[in-house]
Amino acid sequence: IERFGGLAGIDTVYSGSRGGLVNVRMSENIEKEPGPLVGC
């Protein structure tokens, strides 16, 4: 942000595991208790 904030908009994006292919830490507000799927 400090280096490039004057040249471009800066977004923080959550990078997921790509359906379990990549080992990333889950965000607390995304991780859910298993149950019937009801959406994305």
All heavy atoms as atom14 arrays in JSON, in Angstrom:
{
  "sequence": "IERFGGLAGIDTVYSGSRGGLVNVRMSENIEKEPGPLVGC",
  "atom14_mask": [
    [1, 1, 1, 1, 1, 1, 1, 1, 0, 0, 0, 0, 0, 0],
    [1, 1, 1, 1, 1, 1, 1, 1, 1, 0, 0, 0, 0, 0],
    [1, 1, 1, 1, 1, 1, 1, 1, 1, 1, 1, 0, 0, 0],
    [1, 1, 1, 1, 1, 1, 1, 1, 1, 1, 1, 0, 0, 0],
    [1, 1, 1, 1, 0, 0, 0, 0, 0, 0, 0, 0, 0, 0],
    [1, 1, 1, 1, 0, 0, 0, 0, 0, 0, 0, 0, 0, 0],
    [1, 1, 1, 1, 1, 1, 1, 1, 0, 0, 0, 0, 0, 0],
    [1, 1, 1, 1, 1, 0, 0, 0, 0, 0, 0, 0, 0, 0],
    [1, 1, 1, 1, 0, 0, 0, 0, 0, 0, 0, 0, 0, 0],
    [1, 1, 1, 1, 1, 1, 1, 1, 0, 0, 0, 0, 0, 0],
    [1, 1, 1, 1, 1, 1, 1, 1, 0, 0, 0, 0, 0, 0],
    [1, 1, 1, 1, 1, 1, 1, 0, 0, 0, 0, 0, 0, 0],
    [1, 1, 1, 1, 1, 1, 1, 0, 0, 0, 0, 0, 0, 0],
    [1, 1, 1, 1, 1, 1, 1, 1, 1, 1, 1, 1, 0, 0],
    [1, 1, 1, 1, 1, 1, 0, 0, 0, 0, 0, 0, 0, 0],
    [1, 1, 1, 1, 0, 0, 0, 0, 0, 0, 0, 0, 0, 0],
    [1, 1, 1, 1, 1, 1, 0, 0, 0, 0, 0, 0, 0, 0],
    [1, 1, 1, 1, 1, 1, 1, 1, 1, 1, 1, 0, 0, 0],
    [1, 1, 1, 1, 0, 0, 0, 0, 0, 0, 0, 0, 0, 0],
    [1, 1, 1, 1, 0, 0, 0, 0, 0, 0, 0, 0, 0, 0],
    [1, 1, 1, 1, 1, 1, 1, 1, 0, 0, 0, 0, 0, 0],
    [1, 1, 1, 1, 1, 1, 1, 0, 0, 0, 0, 0, 0, 0],
    [1, 1, 1, 1, 1, 1, 1, 1, 0, 0, 0, 0, 0, 0],
    [1, 1, 1, 1, 1, 1, 1, 0, 0, 0, 0, 0, 0, 0],
    [1, 1, 1, 1, 1, 1, 1, 1, 1, 1, 1, 0, 0, 0],
    [1, 1, 1, 1, 1, 1, 1, 1, 0, 0, 0, 0, 0, 0],
    [1, 1, 1, 1, 1, 1, 0, 0, 0, 0, 0, 0, 0, 0],
    [1, 1, 1, 1, 1, 1, 1, 1, 1, 0, 0, 0, 0, 0],
    [1, 1, 1, 1, 1, 1, 1, 1, 0, 0, 0, 0, 0, 0],
    [1, 1, 1, 1, 1, 1, 1, 1, 0, 0, 0, 0, 0, 0],
    [1, 1, 1, 1, 1, 1, 1, 1, 1, 0, 0, 0, 0, 0],
    [1, 1, 1, 1, 1, 1, 1, 1, 1, 0, 0, 0, 0, 0],
    [1, 1, 1, 1, 1, 1, 1, 1, 1, 0, 0, 0, 0, 0],
    [1, 1, 1, 1, 1, 1, 1, 0, 0, 0, 0, 0, 0, 0],
    [1, 1, 1, 1, 0, 0, 0, 0, 0, 0, 0, 0, 0, 0],
    [1, 1, 1, 1, 1, 1, 1, 0, 0, 0, 0, 0, 0, 0],
    [1, 1, 1, 1, 1, 1, 1, 1, 0, 0, 0, 0, 0, 0],
    [1, 1, 1, 1, 1, 1, 1, 0, 0, 0, 0, 0, 0, 0],
    [1, 1, 1, 1, 0, 0, 0, 0, 0, 0, 0, 0, 0, 0],
    [1, 1, 1, 1, 1, 1, 0, 0, 0, 0, 0, 0, 0, 0]
  ],
  "atom14_positions": [
    [[0.84, -1.21, 0.0], [0.0, 0.0, 0.0], [0.87, 1.25, 0.0], [0.63, 2.21, -0.75], [-0.95, -0.01, 1.22], [-1.97, -1.15, 1.07], [-1.66, 1.33, 1.37], [-2.81, -1.4, 2.3], [0.0, 0.0, 0.0], [0.0, 0.0, 0.0], [0.0, 0.0, 0.0], [0.0, 0.0, 0.0], [0.0, 0.0, 0.0], [0.0, 0.0, 0.0]],
    [[1.91, 1.26, 0.84], [2.78, 2.44, 0.93], [3.52, 2.68, -0.39], [3.66, 3.82, -0.83], [3.78, 2.24, 2.06], [4.72, 3.43, 2.25], [5.66, 3.23, 3.41], [5.49, 2.25, 4.18], [6.6, 4.04, 3.56], [0.0, 0.0, 0.0], [0.0, 0.0, 0.0], [0.0, 0.0, 0.0], [0.0, 0.0, 0.0], [0.0, 0.0, 0.0]],
    [[4.0, 1.6, -1.02], [4.81, 1.75, -2.24], [3.96, 2.06, -3.47], [4.34, 2.89, -4.31], [5.61, 0.46, -2.46], [6.34, 0.37, -3.81], [7.44, 1.4, -3.93], [8.16, 1.23, -5.18], [7.76, 1.72, -6.35], [6.63, 2.43, -6.43], [8.48, 1.51, -7.45], [0.0, 0.0, 0.0], [0.0, 0.0, 0.0], [0.0, 0.0, 0.0]],
    [[2.8, 1.42, -3.59], [2.06, 1.52, -4.85], [0.68, 2.14, -4.71], [-0.04, 2.24, -5.72], [1.92, 0.12, -5.47], [3.22, -0.5, -5.87], [3.77, -1.53, -5.12], [3.9, -0.06, -6.99], [4.98, -2.1, -5.48], [5.11, -0.63, -7.37], [5.66, -1.65, -6.6], [0.0, 0.0, 0.0], [0.0, 0.0, 0.0], [0.0, 0.0, 0.0]],
    [[0.29, 2.58, -3.51], [-1.05, 3.11, -3.32], [-1.35, 4.32, -4.17], [-2.51, 4.58, -4.51], [0.0, 0.0, 0.0], [0.0, 0.0, 0.0], [0.0, 0.0, 0.0], [0.0, 0.0, 0.0], [0.0, 0.0, 0.0], [0.0, 0.0, 0.0], [0.0, 0.0, 0.0], [0.0, 0.0, 0.0], [0.0, 0.0, 0.0], [0.0, 0.0, 0.0]],
    [[-0.32, 5.08, -4.56], [-0.54, 6.24, -5.43], [-0.64, 5.9, -6.9], [-0.97, 6.78, -7.72], [0.0, 0.0, 0.0], [0.0, 0.0, 0.0], [0.0, 0.0, 0.0], [0.0, 0.0, 0.0], [0.0, 0.0, 0.0], [0.0, 0.0, 0.0], [0.0, 0.0, 0.0], [0.0, 0.0, 0.0], [0.0, 0.0, 0.0], [0.0, 0.0, 0.0]],
    [[-0.35, 4.65, -7.26], [-0.35, 4.24, -8.67], [-1.51, 3.32, -9.02], [-1.87, 3.2, -10.2], [0.97, 3.51, -8.99], [2.27, 4.24, -8.67], [3.47, 3.37, -9.05], [2.33, 5.57, -9.38], [0.0, 0.0, 0.0], [0.0, 0.0, 0.0], [0.0, 0.0, 0.0], [0.0, 0.0, 0.0], [0.0, 0.0, 0.0], [0.0, 0.0, 0.0]],
    [[-2.07, 2.66, -8.0], [-3.1, 1.66, -8.26], [-4.01, 1.52, -7.06], [-3.61, 1.83, -5.93], [-2.45, 0.3, -8.56], [0.0, 0.0, 0.0], [0.0, 0.0, 0.0], [0.0, 0.0, 0.0], [0.0, 0.0, 0.0], [0.0, 0.0, 0.0], [0.0, 0.0, 0.0], [0.0, 0.0, 0.0], [0.0, 0.0, 0.0], [0.0, 0.0, 0.0]],
    [[-5.22, 1.05, -7.29], [-6.06, 0.66, -6.18], [-5.51, -0.62, -5.56], [-4.96, -1.47, -6.26], [0.0, 0.0, 0.0], [0.0, 0.0, 0.0], [0.0, 0.0, 0.0], [0.0, 0.0, 0.0], [0.0, 0.0, 0.0], [0.0, 0.0, 0.0], [0.0, 0.0, 0.0], [0.0, 0.0, 0.0], [0.0, 0.0, 0.0], [0.0, 0.0, 0.0]],
    [[-5.64, -0.75, -4.25], [-5.1, -1.91, -3.55], [-6.25, -2.69, -2.92], [-7.06, -2.13, -2.18], [-4.1, -1.5, -2.44], [-3.06, -0.5, -2.98], [-3.45, -2.74, -1.85], [-2.08, -1.06, -3.94], [0.0, 0.0, 0.0], [0.0, 0.0, 0.0], [0.0, 0.0, 0.0], [0.0, 0.0, 0.0], [0.0, 0.0, 0.0], [0.0, 0.0, 0.0]],
    [[-6.32, -3.98, -3.22], [-7.33, -4.86, -2.63], [-6.64, -5.99, -1.88], [-5.67, -6.58, -2.37], [-8.23, -5.47, -3.7], [-9.05, -4.42, -4.43], [-9.59, -3.52, -3.76], [-9.14, -4.51, -5.67], [0.0, 0.0, 0.0], [0.0, 0.0, 0.0], [0.0, 0.0, 0.0], [0.0, 0.0, 0.0], [0.0, 0.0, 0.0], [0.0, 0.0, 0.0]],
    [[-7.13, -6.3, -0.69], [-6.7, -7.49, 0.02], [-7.65, -8.61, -0.33], [-8.86, -8.51, -0.13], [-6.7, -7.26, 1.54], [-5.8, -6.2, 1.85], [-6.26, -8.52, 2.28], [0.0, 0.0, 0.0], [0.0, 0.0, 0.0], [0.0, 0.0, 0.0], [0.0, 0.0, 0.0], [0.0, 0.0, 0.0], [0.0, 0.0, 0.0], [0.0, 0.0, 0.0]],
    [[-7.13, -9.68, -0.89], [-7.98, -10.79, -1.36], [-7.63, -12.05, -0.59], [-6.46, -12.35, -0.35], [-7.83, -11.02, -2.87], [-8.3, -9.81, -3.64], [-6.41, -11.37, -3.26], [0.0, 0.0, 0.0], [0.0, 0.0, 0.0], [0.0, 0.0, 0.0], [0.0, 0.0, 0.0], [0.0, 0.0, 0.0], [0.0, 0.0, 0.0], [0.0, 0.0, 0.0]],
    [[-8.66, -12.79, -0.2], [-8.44, -14.06, 0.49], [-8.12, -15.14, -0.53], [-8.89, -15.37, -1.46], [-9.66, -14.46, 1.31], [-9.48, -15.81, 1.95], [-8.62, -15.97, 3.04], [-10.11, -16.93, 1.44], [-8.43, -17.21, 3.6], [-9.93, -18.17, 2.0], [-9.08, -18.31, 3.09], [-8.88, -19.55, 3.64], [0.0, 0.0, 0.0], [0.0, 0.0, 0.0]],
    [[-6.99, -15.77, -0.38], [-6.57, -16.83, -1.28], [-6.89, -18.17, -0.65], [-6.28, -18.55, 0.35], [-5.06, -16.72, -1.55], [-4.64, -17.75, -2.41], [0.0, 0.0, 0.0], [0.0, 0.0, 0.0], [0.0, 0.0, 0.0], [0.0, 0.0, 0.0], [0.0, 0.0, 0.0], [0.0, 0.0, 0.0], [0.0, 0.0, 0.0], [0.0, 0.0, 0.0]],
    [[-7.85, -18.87, -1.21], [-8.29, -20.13, -0.65], [-7.43, -21.3, -1.09], [-6.41, -21.16, -1.77], [0.0, 0.0, 0.0], [0.0, 0.0, 0.0], [0.0, 0.0, 0.0], [0.0, 0.0, 0.0], [0.0, 0.0, 0.0], [0.0, 0.0, 0.0], [0.0, 0.0, 0.0], [0.0, 0.0, 0.0], [0.0, 0.0, 0.0], [0.0, 0.0, 0.0]],
    [[-7.87, -22.49, -0.72], [-7.09, -23.7, -0.98], [-7.36, -24.3, -2.36], [-6.79, -25.32, -2.7], [-7.41, -24.75, 0.08], [-8.74, -25.23, -0.08], [0.0, 0.0, 0.0], [0.0, 0.0, 0.0], [0.0, 0.0, 0.0], [0.0, 0.0, 0.0], [0.0, 0.0, 0.0], [0.0, 0.0, 0.0], [0.0, 0.0, 0.0], [0.0, 0.0, 0.0]],
    [[-8.22, -23.66, -3.14], [-8.56, -24.17, -4.47], [-9.11, -25.58, -4.39], [-8.63, -26.51, -5.02], [-7.37, -24.11, -5.42], [-6.64, -22.79, -5.43], [-7.53, -21.62, -5.81], [-6.79, -20.36, -5.88], [-7.34, -19.18, -6.15], [-8.65, -19.1, -6.36], [-6.62, -18.09, -6.19], [0.0, 0.0, 0.0], [0.0, 0.0, 0.0], [0.0, 0.0, 0.0]],
    [[-10.12, -25.72, -3.55], [-10.77, -27.01, -3.39], [-9.87, -28.04, -2.75], [-9.97, -29.23, -3.04], [0.0, 0.0, 0.0], [0.0, 0.0, 0.0], [0.0, 0.0, 0.0], [0.0, 0.0, 0.0], [0.0, 0.0, 0.0], [0.0, 0.0, 0.0], [0.0, 0.0, 0.0], [0.0, 0.0, 0.0], [0.0, 0.0, 0.0], [0.0, 0.0, 0.0]],
    [[-8.97, -27.58, -1.86], [-8.11, -28.49, -1.13], [-6.78, -28.77, -1.78], [-5.99, -29.57, -1.24], [0.0, 0.0, 0.0], [0.0, 0.0, 0.0], [0.0, 0.0, 0.0], [0.0, 0.0, 0.0], [0.0, 0.0, 0.0], [0.0, 0.0, 0.0], [0.0, 0.0, 0.0], [0.0, 0.0, 0.0], [0.0, 0.0, 0.0], [0.0, 0.0, 0.0]],
    [[-6.46, -28.12, -2.9], [-5.18, -28.38, -3.58], [-4.0, -27.68, -2.91], [-2.87, -28.13, -3.04], [-5.27, -27.94, -5.04], [-6.12, -28.79, -5.98], [-6.05, -28.22, -7.39], [-5.65, -30.24, -5.97], [0.0, 0.0, 0.0], [0.0, 0.0, 0.0], [0.0, 0.0, 0.0], [0.0, 0.0, 0.0], [0.0, 0.0, 0.0], [0.0, 0.0, 0.0]],
    [[-4.26, -26.55, -2.24], [-3.19, -25.75, -1.66], [-3.41, -25.66, -0.16], [-4.54, -25.44, 0.3], [-3.15, -24.33, -2.28], [-2.02, -23.51, -1.65], [-2.96, -24.42, -3.79], [0.0, 0.0, 0.0], [0.0, 0.0, 0.0], [0.0, 0.0, 0.0], [0.0, 0.0, 0.0], [0.0, 0.0, 0.0], [0.0, 0.0, 0.0], [0.0, 0.0, 0.0]],
    [[-2.36, -25.76, 0.6], [-2.46, -25.7, 2.06], [-2.41, -24.25, 2.52], [-1.35, -23.65, 2.6], [-1.32, -26.49, 2.7], [-1.38, -26.45, 4.22], [-2.42, -26.2, 4.81], [-0.24, -26.66, 4.85], [0.0, 0.0, 0.0], [0.0, 0.0, 0.0], [0.0, 0.0, 0.0], [0.0, 0.0, 0.0], [0.0, 0.0, 0.0], [0.0, 0.0, 0.0]],
    [[-3.58, -23.68, 2.81], [-3.66, -22.32, 3.33], [-4.46, -22.33, 4.62], [-5.27, -23.21, 4.86], [-4.31, -21.34, 2.32], [-3.49, -21.23, 1.06], [-5.73, -21.74, 2.0], [0.0, 0.0, 0.0], [0.0, 0.0, 0.0], [0.0, 0.0, 0.0], [0.0, 0.0, 0.0], [0.0, 0.0, 0.0], [0.0, 0.0, 0.0], [0.0, 0.0, 0.0]],
    [[-4.22, -21.32, 5.44], [-4.98, -21.2, 6.67], [-6.35, -20.63, 6.35], [-6.48, -19.61, 5.69], [-4.24, -20.28, 7.65], [-4.96, -20.13, 8.98], [-4.12, -19.29, 9.94], [-3.91, -17.95, 9.42], [-2.71, -17.41, 9.23], [-1.62, -18.09, 9.5], [-2.58, -16.18, 8.76], [0.0, 0.0, 0.0], [0.0, 0.0, 0.0], [0.0, 0.0, 0.0]],
    [[-7.4, -21.27, 6.84], [-8.75, -20.79, 6.6], [-9.03, -19.53, 7.39], [-8.6, -19.38, 8.53], [-9.77, -21.86, 6.98], [-9.76, -23.09, 6.1], [-11.08, -24.22, 6.56], [-10.83, -25.54, 5.4], [0.0, 0.0, 0.0], [0.0, 0.0, 0.0], [0.0, 0.0, 0.0], [0.0, 0.0, 0.0], [0.0, 0.0, 0.0], [0.0, 0.0, 0.0]],
    [[-9.74, -18.62, 6.77], [-10.18, -17.41, 7.46], [-11.31, -17.77, 8.42], [-12.19, -18.56, 8.09], [-10.68, -16.38, 6.44], [-11.25, -15.27, 7.08], [0.0, 0.0, 0.0], [0.0, 0.0, 0.0], [0.0, 0.0, 0.0], [0.0, 0.0, 0.0], [0.0, 0.0, 0.0], [0.0, 0.0, 0.0], [0.0, 0.0, 0.0], [0.0, 0.0, 0.0]],
    [[-11.31, -17.19, 9.61], [-12.29, -17.56, 10.62], [-13.72, -17.26, 10.18], [-14.65, -17.95, 10.57], [-11.99, -16.82, 11.93], [-10.71, -17.31, 12.6], [-10.44, -16.56, 13.89], [-11.26, -15.67, 14.23], [-9.43, -16.85, 14.55], [0.0, 0.0, 0.0], [0.0, 0.0, 0.0], [0.0, 0.0, 0.0], [0.0, 0.0, 0.0], [0.0, 0.0, 0.0]],
    [[-13.89, -16.23, 9.36], [-15.26, -15.89, 8.96], [-15.73, -16.68, 7.75], [-16.83, -16.5, 7.27], [-15.37, -14.39, 8.66], [-14.57, -13.98, 7.43], [-13.65, -14.67, 7.04], [-14.91, -12.85, 6.85], [0.0, 0.0, 0.0], [0.0, 0.0, 0.0], [0.0, 0.0, 0.0], [0.0, 0.0, 0.0], [0.0, 0.0, 0.0], [0.0, 0.0, 0.0]],
    [[-14.87, -17.57, 7.23], [-15.26, -18.41, 6.09], [-15.43, -19.86, 6.52], [-16.32, -20.56, 6.07], [-14.22, -18.3, 4.95], [-14.27, -16.88, 4.35], [-14.44, -19.34, 3.87], [-13.26, -16.63, 3.28], [0.0, 0.0, 0.0], [0.0, 0.0, 0.0], [0.0, 0.0, 0.0], [0.0, 0.0, 0.0], [0.0, 0.0, 0.0], [0.0, 0.0, 0.0]],
    [[-14.61, -20.32, 7.44], [-14.68, -21.71, 7.85], [-16.02, -22.02, 8.51], [-16.5, -21.27, 9.35], [-13.54, -22.03, 8.82], [-13.39, -23.5, 9.16], [-12.16, -23.76, 9.99], [-11.49, -22.8, 10.38], [-11.89, -24.93, 10.25], [0.0, 0.0, 0.0], [0.0, 0.0, 0.0], [0.0, 0.0, 0.0], [0.0, 0.0, 0.0], [0.0, 0.0, 0.0]],
    [[-16.64, -23.12, 8.11], [-17.97, -23.49, 8.61], [-17.96, -24.9, 9.18], [-17.12, -25.73, 8.85], [-19.01, -23.42, 7.48], [-19.03, -22.1, 6.72], [-19.53, -20.95, 7.56], [-19.58, -19.67, 6.76], [-20.01, -18.52, 7.54], [0.0, 0.0, 0.0], [0.0, 0.0, 0.0], [0.0, 0.0, 0.0], [0.0, 0.0, 0.0], [0.0, 0.0, 0.0]],
    [[-18.93, -25.16, 10.04], [-19.12, -26.53, 10.52], [-19.8, -27.33, 9.42], [-20.75, -26.87, 8.79], [-19.99, -26.53, 11.77], [-19.3, -25.95, 12.99], [-18.09, -26.76, 13.43], [-18.14, -28.0, 13.3], [-17.1, -26.16, 13.86], [0.0, 0.0, 0.0], [0.0, 0.0, 0.0], [0.0, 0.0, 0.0], [0.0, 0.0, 0.0], [0.0, 0.0, 0.0]],
    [[-19.32, -28.55, 9.15], [-19.92, -29.37, 8.1], [-21.41, -29.63, 8.33], [-21.86, -29.79, 9.47], [-19.11, -30.67, 8.15], [-17.81, -30.26, 8.77], [-18.16, -29.19, 9.76], [0.0, 0.0, 0.0], [0.0, 0.0, 0.0], [0.0, 0.0, 0.0], [0.0, 0.0, 0.0], [0.0, 0.0, 0.0], [0.0, 0.0, 0.0], [0.0, 0.0, 0.0]],
    [[-22.14, -29.69, 7.26], [-23.57, -29.97, 7.27], [-24.04, -29.95, 5.83], [-23.23, -29.91, 4.91], [0.0, 0.0, 0.0], [0.0, 0.0, 0.0], [0.0, 0.0, 0.0], [0.0, 0.0, 0.0], [0.0, 0.0, 0.0], [0.0, 0.0, 0.0], [0.0, 0.0, 0.0], [0.0, 0.0, 0.0], [0.0, 0.0, 0.0], [0.0, 0.0, 0.0]],
    [[-25.35, -29.97, 5.57], [-25.83, -29.89, 4.19], [-25.4, -28.57, 3.54], [-25.49, -27.51, 4.14], [-27.36, -29.96, 4.34], [-27.58, -30.6, 5.68], [-26.44, -30.15, 6.54], [0.0, 0.0, 0.0], [0.0, 0.0, 0.0], [0.0, 0.0, 0.0], [0.0, 0.0, 0.0], [0.0, 0.0, 0.0], [0.0, 0.0, 0.0], [0.0, 0.0, 0.0]],
    [[-24.94, -28.66, 2.3], [-24.57, -27.46, 1.57], [-25.8, -26.62, 1.26], [-26.83, -27.15, 0.85], [-23.87, -27.83, 0.26], [-22.46, -28.42, 0.35], [-22.04, -28.99, -1.0], [-21.47, -27.37, 0.82], [0.0, 0.0, 0.0], [0.0, 0.0, 0.0], [0.0, 0.0, 0.0], [0.0, 0.0, 0.0], [0.0, 0.0, 0.0], [0.0, 0.0, 0.0]],
    [[-25.69, -25.3, 1.45], [-26.81, -24.41, 1.14], [-26.35, -23.19, 0.35], [-27.11, -22.24, 0.19], [-27.54, -23.95, 2.42], [-28.25, -25.12, 3.09], [-26.58, -23.26, 3.39], [0.0, 0.0, 0.0], [0.0, 0.0, 0.0], [0.0, 0.0, 0.0], [0.0, 0.0, 0.0], [0.0, 0.0, 0.0], [0.0, 0.0, 0.0], [0.0, 0.0, 0.0]],
    [[-25.13, -23.18, -0.17], [-24.73, -22.04, -0.97], [-23.23, -21.85, -1.01], [-22.44, -22.66, -0.51], [0.0, 0.0, 0.0], [0.0, 0.0, 0.0], [0.0, 0.0, 0.0], [0.0, 0.0, 0.0], [0.0, 0.0, 0.0], [0.0, 0.0, 0.0], [0.0, 0.0, 0.0], [0.0, 0.0, 0.0], [0.0, 0.0, 0.0], [0.0, 0.0, 0.0]],
    [[-22.84, -20.74, -1.62], [-21.44, -20.36, -1.79], [-21.28, -18.92, -1.33], [-22.06, -18.04, -1.72], [-21.05, -20.48, -3.26], [-19.44, -19.77, -3.68], [0.0, 0.0, 0.0], [0.0, 0.0, 0.0], [0.0, 0.0, 0.0], [0.0, 0.0, 0.0], [0.0, 0.0, 0.0], [0.0, 0.0, 0.0], [0.0, 0.0, 0.0], [0.0, 0.0, 0.0]]
  ]
}
